């Protein structure tokens, strides 16, 4: 049985290093992440301009985070699958497709949330022209 070490704030802080490295690698190696980042910045700027409510900000933040989390899991699964089997394998191909589909579903969810949040504001803007 593994010995239990006393709680250490320093050790807990060091445990964040791999997580931050994973985020860095995602932005360095995954080009689709730059697309997600671009739209995140656009949404944040638009939200500031139209002065989203706290609830609207929460929904937008949730949508953004879900997209990035799905991209992280998709990337992790793809890397692991490529390491397990470098040649084409239909089962691994299907797993990678499922993971990719999760990103698509998350992105579509984000678009729907964006339309629900920004749609009425856009209609008011258009009709006030």
C-alpha atoms as a PDB file:
ATOM      1  CA  UNK A   1       0.000   0.000   0.000  1.00  0.00           C
ATOM      2  CA  UNK A   2       1.287   3.447  -0.895  1.00  0.00           C
ATOM      3  CA  UNK A   3       2.381   5.663   1.975  1.00  0.00           C
ATOM      4  CA  UNK A   4       0.283   8.761   2.475  1.00  0.00           C
ATOM      5  CA  UNK A   5       2.252  11.984   2.396  1.00  0.00           C
ATOM      6  CA  UNK A   6       1.071  14.988   4.386  1.00  0.00           C
ATOM      7  CA  UNK A   7      -0.858  17.638   2.485  1.00  0.00           C
ATOM      8  CA  UNK A   8       1.434  20.107   0.767  1.00  0.00           C
ATOM      9  CA  UNK A   9       0.308  23.307  -0.931  1.00  0.00           C
ATOM     10  CA  UNK A  10       3.557  23.313  -2.912  1.00  0.00           C
ATOM     11  CA  UNK A  11       2.850  19.796  -4.241  1.00  0.00           C
ATOM     12  CA  UNK A  12      -0.725  20.761  -5.090  1.00  0.00           C
ATOM     13  CA  UNK A  13       0.524  23.789  -7.046  1.00  0.00           C
ATOM     14  CA  UNK A  14       3.033  21.612  -8.922  1.00  0.00           C
ATOM     15  CA  UNK A  15       0.183  19.296  -9.897  1.00  0.00           C
ATOM     16  CA  UNK A  16      -1.203  22.101 -12.123  1.00  0.00           C
ATOM     17  CA  UNK A  17       1.912  22.095 -14.340  1.00  0.00           C
ATOM     18  CA  UNK A  18       0.798  19.157 -16.548  1.00  0.00           C
ATOM     19  CA  UNK A  19      -2.671  20.704 -16.922  1.00  0.00           C
ATOM     20  CA  UNK A  20      -1.279  24.030 -18.096  1.00  0.00           C
ATOM     21  CA  UNK A  21       1.119  22.169 -20.377  1.00  0.00           C
ATOM     22  CA  UNK A  22      -1.870  20.365 -21.914  1.00  0.00           C
ATOM     23  CA  UNK A  23      -3.567  23.692 -22.642  1.00  0.00           C
ATOM     24  CA  UNK A  24      -0.338  25.035 -24.148  1.00  0.00           C
ATOM     25  CA  UNK A  25       0.023  21.947 -26.341  1.00  0.00           C
ATOM     26  CA  UNK A  26      -3.593  22.212 -27.466  1.00  0.00           C
ATOM     27  CA  UNK A  27      -3.078  25.749 -28.737  1.00  0.00           C
ATOM     28  CA  UNK A  28       0.335  24.941 -30.186  1.00  0.00           C
ATOM     29  CA  UNK A  29      -0.630  21.781 -32.070  1.00  0.00           C
ATOM     30  CA  UNK A  30      -4.350  21.944 -32.828  1.00  0.00           C
ATOM     31  CA  UNK A  31      -5.282  24.416 -35.540  1.00  0.00           C
ATOM     32  CA  UNK A  32      -9.027  24.068 -34.891  1.00  0.00           C
ATOM     33  CA  UNK A  33      -8.410  25.445 -31.424  1.00  0.00           C
ATOM     34  CA  UNK A  34      -7.379  28.733 -33.014  1.00  0.00           C
ATOM     35  CA  UNK A  35     -10.773  28.867 -34.728  1.00  0.00           C
ATOM     36  CA  UNK A  36     -12.489  28.274 -31.379  1.00  0.00           C
ATOM     37  CA  UNK A  37     -10.314  30.961 -29.810  1.00  0.00           C
ATOM     38  CA  UNK A  38     -11.143  33.444 -32.579  1.00  0.00           C
ATOM     39  CA  UNK A  39     -14.888  32.952 -32.100  1.00  0.00           C
ATOM     40  CA  UNK A  40     -14.492  33.133 -28.324  1.00  0.00           C
ATOM     41  CA  UNK A  41     -12.849  36.560 -28.664  1.00  0.00           C
ATOM     42  CA  UNK A  42     -15.569  37.701 -31.100  1.00  0.00           C
ATOM     43  CA  UNK A  43     -18.297  36.561 -28.693  1.00  0.00           C
ATOM     44  CA  UNK A  44     -16.645  38.255 -25.723  1.00  0.00           C
ATOM     45  CA  UNK A  45     -16.242  41.521 -27.608  1.00  0.00           C
ATOM     46  CA  UNK A  46     -19.825  41.343 -28.885  1.00  0.00           C
ATOM     47  CA  UNK A  47     -21.040  40.576 -25.367  1.00  0.00           C
ATOM     48  CA  UNK A  48     -19.256  43.631 -24.008  1.00  0.00           C
ATOM     49  CA  UNK A  49     -20.714  45.813 -26.774  1.00  0.00           C
ATOM     50  CA  UNK A  50     -24.315  44.670 -26.246  1.00  0.00           C
ATOM     51  CA  UNK A  51     -23.883  44.467 -22.463  1.00  0.00           C
ATOM     52  CA  UNK A  52     -24.938  40.898 -21.802  1.00  0.00           C
ATOM     53  CA  UNK A  53     -26.650  40.167 -18.513  1.00  0.00           C
ATOM     54  CA  UNK A  54     -24.983  37.925 -15.915  1.00  0.00           C
ATOM     55  CA  UNK A  55     -27.187  35.031 -16.974  1.00  0.00           C
ATOM     56  CA  UNK A  56     -26.349  35.537 -20.644  1.00  0.00           C
ATOM     57  CA  UNK A  57     -22.631  35.643 -19.791  1.00  0.00           C
ATOM     58  CA  UNK A  58     -22.994  32.382 -17.873  1.00  0.00           C
ATOM     59  CA  UNK A  59     -24.633  30.648 -20.840  1.00  0.00           C
ATOM     60  CA  UNK A  60     -21.997  31.979 -23.230  1.00  0.00           C
ATOM     61  CA  UNK A  61     -19.183  30.922 -20.878  1.00  0.00           C
ATOM     62  CA  UNK A  62     -20.732  27.460 -20.517  1.00  0.00           C
ATOM     63  CA  UNK A  63     -20.946  27.056 -24.285  1.00  0.00           C
ATOM     64  CA  UNK A  64     -17.341  28.209 -24.767  1.00  0.00           C
ATOM     65  CA  UNK A  65     -16.000  25.925 -22.051  1.00  0.00           C
ATOM     66  CA  UNK A  66     -17.886  22.904 -23.390  1.00  0.00           C
ATOM     67  CA  UNK A  67     -16.314  23.446 -26.819  1.00  0.00           C
ATOM     68  CA  UNK A  68     -12.786  23.669 -25.373  1.00  0.00           C
ATOM     69  CA  UNK A  69     -13.303  20.654 -23.095  1.00  0.00           C
ATOM     70  CA  UNK A  70     -14.579  18.578 -26.005  1.00  0.00           C
ATOM     71  CA  UNK A  71     -11.593  19.665 -28.111  1.00  0.00           C
ATOM     72  CA  UNK A  72      -9.227  18.621 -25.304  1.00  0.00           C
ATOM     73  CA  UNK A  73     -10.830  15.168 -24.990  1.00  0.00           C
ATOM     74  CA  UNK A  74     -10.938  14.755 -28.765  1.00  0.00           C
ATOM     75  CA  UNK A  75      -7.250  15.581 -29.054  1.00  0.00           C
ATOM     76  CA  UNK A  76      -6.319  13.283 -26.167  1.00  0.00           C
ATOM     77  CA  UNK A  77      -8.255  10.376 -27.679  1.00  0.00           C
ATOM     78  CA  UNK A  78      -6.774  10.955 -31.139  1.00  0.00           C
ATOM     79  CA  UNK A  79      -3.216  11.035 -29.783  1.00  0.00           C
ATOM     80  CA  UNK A  80      -3.775   7.901 -27.726  1.00  0.00           C
ATOM     81  CA  UNK A  81      -5.411   6.093 -30.651  1.00  0.00           C
ATOM     82  CA  UNK A  82      -2.524   7.022 -32.962  1.00  0.00           C
ATOM     83  CA  UNK A  83      -0.055   5.695 -30.382  1.00  0.00           C
ATOM     84  CA  UNK A  84      -1.956   2.429 -29.936  1.00  0.00           C
ATOM     85  CA  UNK A  85      -2.320   1.728 -33.658  1.00  0.00           C
ATOM     86  CA  UNK A  86      -0.461   3.683 -36.320  1.00  0.00           C
ATOM     87  CA  UNK A  87      -2.050   1.762 -39.226  1.00  0.00           C
ATOM     88  CA  UNK A  88      -5.684   2.156 -40.205  1.00  0.00           C
ATOM     89  CA  UNK A  89      -8.047   0.299 -37.929  1.00  0.00           C
ATOM     90  CA  UNK A  90     -11.807   0.637 -38.409  1.00  0.00           C
ATOM     91  CA  UNK A  91     -12.580   0.476 -34.682  1.00  0.00           C
ATOM     92  CA  UNK A  92     -10.016   3.136 -33.799  1.00  0.00           C
ATOM     93  CA  UNK A  93     -11.258   5.170 -36.757  1.00  0.00           C
ATOM     94  CA  UNK A  94     -14.785   5.003 -35.355  1.00  0.00           C
ATOM     95  CA  UNK A  95     -13.574   6.054 -31.888  1.00  0.00           C
ATOM     96  CA  UNK A  96     -11.802   9.051 -33.423  1.00  0.00           C
ATOM     97  CA  UNK A  97     -14.954   9.900 -35.384  1.00  0.00           C
ATOM     98  CA  UNK A  98     -17.032   9.784 -32.194  1.00  0.00           C
ATOM     99  CA  UNK A  99     -14.597  12.101 -30.444  1.00  0.00           C
ATOM    100  CA  UNK A 100     -14.647  14.467 -33.403  1.00  0.00           C
ATOM    101  CA  UNK A 101     -18.447  14.358 -33.411  1.00  0.00           C
ATOM    102  CA  UNK A 102     -18.406  15.454 -29.765  1.00  0.00           C
ATOM    103  CA  UNK A 103     -16.579  18.626 -30.794  1.00  0.00           C
ATOM    104  CA  UNK A 104     -19.104  19.187 -33.570  1.00  0.00           C
ATOM    105  CA  UNK A 105     -22.049  18.737 -31.185  1.00  0.00           C
ATOM    106  CA  UNK A 106     -20.443  21.088 -28.651  1.00  0.00           C
ATOM    107  CA  UNK A 107     -19.811  23.665 -31.370  1.00  0.00           C
ATOM    108  CA  UNK A 108     -23.403  23.426 -32.612  1.00  0.00           C
ATOM    109  CA  UNK A 109     -24.599  23.846 -29.026  1.00  0.00           C
ATOM    110  CA  UNK A 110     -22.454  26.979 -28.766  1.00  0.00           C
ATOM    111  CA  UNK A 111     -23.960  28.338 -31.992  1.00  0.00           C
ATOM    112  CA  UNK A 112     -27.498  27.721 -30.701  1.00  0.00           C
ATOM    113  CA  UNK A 113     -26.697  29.402 -27.392  1.00  0.00           C
ATOM    114  CA  UNK A 114     -25.178  32.323 -29.292  1.00  0.00           C
ATOM    115  CA  UNK A 115     -28.287  32.648 -31.456  1.00  0.00           C
ATOM    116  CA  UNK A 116     -30.580  32.541 -28.424  1.00  0.00           C
ATOM    117  CA  UNK A 117     -28.499  35.143 -26.566  1.00  0.00           C
ATOM    118  CA  UNK A 118     -27.553  37.453 -29.417  1.00  0.00           C
ATOM    119  CA  UNK A 119     -30.534  36.900 -31.741  1.00  0.00           C
ATOM    120  CA  UNK A 120     -32.993  39.199 -29.953  1.00  0.00           C
ATOM    121  CA  UNK A 121     -30.333  41.869 -29.534  1.00  0.00           C
ATOM    122  CA  UNK A 122     -29.474  41.661 -33.221  1.00  0.00           C
ATOM    123  CA  UNK A 123     -33.152  41.960 -34.192  1.00  0.00           C
ATOM    124  CA  UNK A 124     -33.543  45.087 -32.037  1.00  0.00           C
ATOM    125  CA  UNK A 125     -30.423  46.550 -33.656  1.00  0.00           C
ATOM    126  CA  UNK A 126     -31.686  45.783 -37.162  1.00  0.00           C
ATOM    127  CA  UNK A 127     -35.157  47.207 -36.562  1.00  0.00           C
ATOM    128  CA  UNK A 128     -33.721  50.368 -34.994  1.00  0.00           C
ATOM    129  CA  UNK A 129     -31.767  51.184 -38.166  1.00  0.00           C
END
